[in-house]
């Protein structure tokens, strides 16, 4: 009897693992569809980042597109001082 049952353990484990992966994928897909609240583009950075009383540095440490770098250069983001930092200086 146990020999017959031992043959099915890999199948049972595989099905359980597949169900776990499917549940995780469904959860990930559901969280990707959530939208962030729309922020007005003309709102001051001080209002949008109200939980950061010392300011938020708009320096991006990761890779960005050339278009984003051009927008930052056009908005003079290098010389902007908190709280007068345009929102275009921050990545989306």
N, C-alpha and C. Protein backbone atom coordinates (compact mmCIF):
# COMPACT_ATOMS: atom_id res chain seq x y z
N UNK A 1 0.82 -1.19 0.00
CA UNK A 1 0.00 0.00 0.00
C UNK A 1 0.86 1.25 0.00
N UNK A 2 1.89 1.26 0.82
CA UNK A 2 2.73 2.45 0.87
C UNK A 2 3.53 2.62 -0.41
N UNK A 3 3.85 1.53 -1.11
CA UNK A 3 4.57 1.64 -2.37
C UNK A 3 3.73 2.38 -3.41
N UNK A 4 2.43 2.11 -3.44
CA UNK A 4 1.55 2.81 -4.38
C UNK A 4 1.44 4.28 -4.01
N UNK A 5 1.40 4.58 -2.73
CA UNK A 5 1.28 5.96 -2.28
C UNK A 5 2.57 6.73 -2.54
N UNK A 6 3.70 6.08 -2.39
CA UNK A 6 4.98 6.75 -2.61
C UNK A 6 5.17 7.19 -4.05
N UNK A 7 4.50 6.53 -4.98
CA UNK A 7 4.61 6.93 -6.38
C UNK A 7 3.95 8.27 -6.64
N UNK A 8 2.95 8.62 -5.84
CA UNK A 8 2.18 9.83 -6.09
C UNK A 8 2.71 11.07 -5.36
N UNK A 9 3.64 10.91 -4.44
CA UNK A 9 4.16 12.07 -3.71
C UNK A 9 4.79 13.11 -4.62
N UNK A 10 5.60 12.73 -5.60
CA UNK A 10 6.14 13.75 -6.50
C UNK A 10 5.04 14.49 -7.27
N UNK A 11 4.01 13.77 -7.67
CA UNK A 11 2.90 14.40 -8.36
C UNK A 11 2.16 15.37 -7.44
N UNK A 12 1.90 14.97 -6.22
CA UNK A 12 1.21 15.82 -5.25
C UNK A 12 2.05 17.06 -4.95
N UNK A 13 3.35 16.87 -4.77
CA UNK A 13 4.23 18.00 -4.50
C UNK A 13 4.28 18.96 -5.68
N UNK A 14 4.30 18.42 -6.90
CA UNK A 14 4.33 19.26 -8.10
C UNK A 14 3.06 20.07 -8.25
N UNK A 15 1.93 19.44 -7.98
CA UNK A 15 0.64 20.15 -8.07
C UNK A 15 0.56 21.24 -7.01
N UNK A 16 1.02 20.95 -5.80
CA UNK A 16 1.01 21.96 -4.74
C UNK A 16 1.92 23.13 -5.10
N UNK A 17 3.08 22.85 -5.66
CA UNK A 17 4.01 23.90 -6.06
C UNK A 17 3.42 24.74 -7.18
N UNK A 18 2.76 24.09 -8.14
CA UNK A 18 2.12 24.81 -9.25
C UNK A 18 1.02 25.72 -8.74
N UNK A 19 0.26 25.24 -7.76
CA UNK A 19 -0.82 26.07 -7.19
C UNK A 19 -0.23 27.27 -6.45
N UNK A 20 0.87 27.06 -5.76
CA UNK A 20 1.53 28.16 -5.06
C UNK A 20 2.05 29.20 -6.05
N UNK A 21 2.65 28.75 -7.13
CA UNK A 21 3.12 29.69 -8.15
C UNK A 21 1.97 30.44 -8.79
N UNK A 22 0.86 29.77 -9.06
CA UNK A 22 -0.29 30.42 -9.66
C UNK A 22 -0.88 31.48 -8.72
N UNK A 23 -0.95 31.17 -7.44
CA UNK A 23 -1.47 32.13 -6.48
C UNK A 23 -0.55 33.34 -6.38
N UNK A 24 0.76 33.12 -6.39
CA UNK A 24 1.71 34.22 -6.33
C UNK A 24 1.62 35.09 -7.59
N UNK A 25 1.48 34.47 -8.74
CA UNK A 25 1.36 35.22 -9.98
C UNK A 25 0.08 36.05 -10.00
N UNK A 26 -1.00 35.49 -9.49
CA UNK A 26 -2.26 36.23 -9.44
C UNK A 26 -2.14 37.43 -8.49
N UNK A 27 -1.48 37.25 -7.38
CA UNK A 27 -1.29 38.36 -6.44
C UNK A 27 -0.42 39.44 -7.07
N UNK A 28 0.64 39.05 -7.75
CA UNK A 28 1.52 40.02 -8.38
C UNK A 28 0.78 40.78 -9.47
N UNK A 29 -0.02 40.10 -10.25
CA UNK A 29 -0.78 40.76 -11.31
C UNK A 29 -1.79 41.73 -10.72
N UNK A 30 -2.38 41.37 -9.60
CA UNK A 30 -3.37 42.25 -8.97
C UNK A 30 -2.71 43.51 -8.43
N UNK A 31 -1.51 43.41 -7.88
CA UNK A 31 -0.86 44.59 -7.33
C UNK A 31 -0.30 45.47 -8.43
N UNK A 32 0.04 44.92 -9.60
CA UNK A 32 0.52 45.74 -10.69
C UNK A 32 -0.57 46.62 -11.27
N UNK A 33 -1.81 46.20 -11.16
CA UNK A 33 -2.91 46.97 -11.72
C UNK A 33 -3.33 48.14 -10.84
N UNK A 34 -2.83 48.20 -9.62
CA UNK A 34 -3.16 49.32 -8.76
C UNK A 34 -2.49 50.57 -9.31
N UNK A 35 -3.22 51.66 -9.33
CA UNK A 35 -2.66 52.89 -9.84
C UNK A 35 -2.29 53.81 -8.69
N UNK A 36 -1.22 54.53 -8.90
CA UNK A 36 -0.83 55.50 -7.90
C UNK A 36 -1.74 56.71 -8.01
N UNK A 37 -1.96 57.40 -6.91
CA UNK A 37 -2.80 58.59 -7.01
C UNK A 37 -2.12 59.64 -7.89
N UNK A 38 -2.92 60.29 -8.68
CA UNK A 38 -2.39 61.30 -9.58
C UNK A 38 -1.96 62.52 -8.79
N UNK A 39 -0.74 62.94 -9.02
CA UNK A 39 -0.22 64.11 -8.34
C UNK A 39 -0.22 65.27 -9.33
N UNK A 40 -0.66 66.43 -8.90
CA UNK A 40 -0.62 67.56 -9.83
C UNK A 40 0.83 67.92 -10.15
N UNK A 41 1.10 68.14 -11.43
CA UNK A 41 2.48 68.39 -11.84
C UNK A 41 2.98 69.75 -11.38
N UNK A 42 2.07 70.65 -11.04
CA UNK A 42 2.51 71.97 -10.61
C UNK A 42 2.52 72.11 -9.09
N UNK A 43 2.23 71.03 -8.38
CA UNK A 43 2.26 71.08 -6.92
C UNK A 43 3.71 71.17 -6.46
N UNK A 44 3.98 71.94 -5.41
CA UNK A 44 5.36 72.04 -4.94
C UNK A 44 5.83 70.73 -4.34
N UNK A 45 7.12 70.48 -4.47
CA UNK A 45 7.69 69.24 -3.93
C UNK A 45 7.50 69.17 -2.43
N UNK A 46 7.48 70.31 -1.77
CA UNK A 46 7.28 70.33 -0.32
C UNK A 46 5.92 69.75 0.07
N UNK A 47 4.90 69.98 -0.76
CA UNK A 47 3.56 69.45 -0.50
C UNK A 47 3.49 67.96 -0.82
N UNK A 48 4.09 67.55 -1.91
CA UNK A 48 4.02 66.16 -2.33
C UNK A 48 4.83 65.26 -1.41
N UNK A 49 5.98 65.75 -0.94
CA UNK A 49 6.83 64.99 -0.03
C UNK A 49 6.71 65.57 1.37
N UNK A 50 5.49 65.71 1.85
CA UNK A 50 5.25 66.33 3.16
C UNK A 50 5.84 65.53 4.31
N UNK A 51 6.03 64.24 4.12
CA UNK A 51 6.59 63.41 5.19
C UNK A 51 8.11 63.49 5.27
N UNK A 52 8.74 64.31 4.44
CA UNK A 52 10.19 64.50 4.46
C UNK A 52 10.49 65.96 4.79
N UNK A 53 10.52 66.31 6.07
CA UNK A 53 10.68 67.72 6.43
C UNK A 53 12.01 68.33 6.00
N UNK A 54 13.04 67.51 5.81
CA UNK A 54 14.34 68.03 5.41
C UNK A 54 14.52 68.05 3.90
N UNK A 55 13.51 67.63 3.18
CA UNK A 55 13.57 67.65 1.73
C UNK A 55 13.90 66.30 1.12
N UNK A 56 13.71 66.23 -0.18
CA UNK A 56 13.99 65.02 -0.95
C UNK A 56 14.92 65.42 -2.09
N UNK A 57 16.05 64.78 -2.16
CA UNK A 57 17.04 65.09 -3.19
C UNK A 57 16.59 64.49 -4.51
N UNK A 58 16.52 65.26 -5.58
CA UNK A 58 16.06 64.72 -6.86
C UNK A 58 17.15 63.98 -7.63
N UNK A 59 18.31 63.73 -7.03
CA UNK A 59 19.38 63.03 -7.73
C UNK A 59 18.97 61.58 -7.95
N UNK A 60 19.01 61.13 -9.18
CA UNK A 60 18.65 59.76 -9.53
C UNK A 60 19.92 58.93 -9.58
N UNK A 61 19.93 57.82 -8.86
CA UNK A 61 21.13 56.98 -8.82
C UNK A 61 21.07 55.81 -9.78
N UNK A 62 19.94 55.57 -10.38
CA UNK A 62 19.81 54.45 -11.31
C UNK A 62 19.82 54.92 -12.75
N UNK A 63 19.69 53.98 -13.68
CA UNK A 63 19.68 54.36 -15.10
C UNK A 63 18.40 55.11 -15.46
N UNK A 64 18.54 56.15 -16.25
CA UNK A 64 17.40 56.93 -16.73
C UNK A 64 17.55 57.14 -18.23
N UNK A 65 16.46 57.52 -18.86
CA UNK A 65 16.48 57.73 -20.30
C UNK A 65 17.12 59.07 -20.63
N UNK A 66 17.51 59.20 -21.87
CA UNK A 66 18.09 60.46 -22.34
C UNK A 66 17.04 61.57 -22.30
N UNK A 67 15.78 61.22 -22.56
CA UNK A 67 14.71 62.22 -22.52
C UNK A 67 14.55 62.78 -21.10
N UNK A 68 14.67 61.91 -20.09
CA UNK A 68 14.56 62.38 -18.71
C UNK A 68 15.71 63.31 -18.37
N UNK A 69 16.91 62.99 -18.82
CA UNK A 69 18.07 63.85 -18.57
C UNK A 69 17.88 65.21 -19.24
N UNK A 70 17.29 65.22 -20.44
CA UNK A 70 17.03 66.48 -21.13
C UNK A 70 15.99 67.31 -20.38
N UNK A 71 14.94 66.65 -19.86
CA UNK A 71 13.92 67.38 -19.08
C UNK A 71 14.54 67.99 -17.84
N UNK A 72 15.43 67.25 -17.16
CA UNK A 72 16.09 67.78 -15.98
C UNK A 72 16.97 68.98 -16.33
N UNK A 73 17.69 68.88 -17.43
CA UNK A 73 18.56 69.99 -17.84
C UNK A 73 17.73 71.21 -18.20
N UNK A 74 16.60 71.03 -18.88
CA UNK A 74 15.74 72.15 -19.27
C UNK A 74 15.11 72.82 -18.06
N UNK A 75 14.88 72.07 -16.99
CA UNK A 75 14.24 72.63 -15.79
C UNK A 75 15.26 73.14 -14.78
N UNK A 76 16.56 73.11 -15.12
CA UNK A 76 17.63 73.55 -14.22
C UNK A 76 17.58 72.83 -12.88
N UNK A 77 17.44 71.52 -12.92
CA UNK A 77 17.34 70.73 -11.69
C UNK A 77 18.63 70.74 -10.89
N UNK A 78 19.76 70.93 -11.54
CA UNK A 78 21.04 70.95 -10.82
C UNK A 78 21.14 72.12 -9.85
N UNK A 79 20.50 73.22 -10.18
CA UNK A 79 20.60 74.40 -9.31
C UNK A 79 19.37 74.59 -8.43
N UNK A 80 18.41 73.68 -8.49
CA UNK A 80 17.19 73.81 -7.68
C UNK A 80 17.49 73.56 -6.21
N UNK A 81 16.84 74.33 -5.34
CA UNK A 81 17.05 74.23 -3.90
C UNK A 81 15.70 73.95 -3.24
N UNK A 82 15.71 73.05 -2.26
CA UNK A 82 14.49 72.70 -1.54
C UNK A 82 13.91 73.92 -0.87
N UNK A 83 12.65 74.17 -0.91
CA UNK A 83 11.52 73.40 -1.43
C UNK A 83 11.12 73.78 -2.85
N UNK A 84 11.92 74.56 -3.53
CA UNK A 84 11.58 75.04 -4.88
C UNK A 84 12.16 74.13 -5.95
N UNK A 85 11.85 72.85 -5.87
CA UNK A 85 12.32 71.88 -6.86
C UNK A 85 11.13 71.47 -7.72
N UNK A 86 11.20 71.70 -9.04
CA UNK A 86 10.08 71.29 -9.89
C UNK A 86 9.90 69.77 -9.89
N UNK A 87 8.68 69.33 -10.03
CA UNK A 87 8.41 67.90 -10.03
C UNK A 87 8.99 67.19 -11.24
N UNK A 88 9.32 67.93 -12.30
CA UNK A 88 9.92 67.31 -13.47
C UNK A 88 11.32 66.79 -13.15
N UNK A 89 11.91 67.25 -12.05
CA UNK A 89 13.24 66.79 -11.65
C UNK A 89 13.21 65.37 -11.08
N UNK A 90 12.07 64.92 -10.66
CA UNK A 90 11.93 63.59 -10.04
C UNK A 90 11.47 62.59 -11.10
N UNK A 91 11.99 61.37 -11.05
CA UNK A 91 11.53 60.36 -12.01
C UNK A 91 10.09 59.94 -11.71
N UNK A 92 9.42 59.46 -12.74
CA UNK A 92 8.02 59.03 -12.58
C UNK A 92 7.94 57.77 -11.76
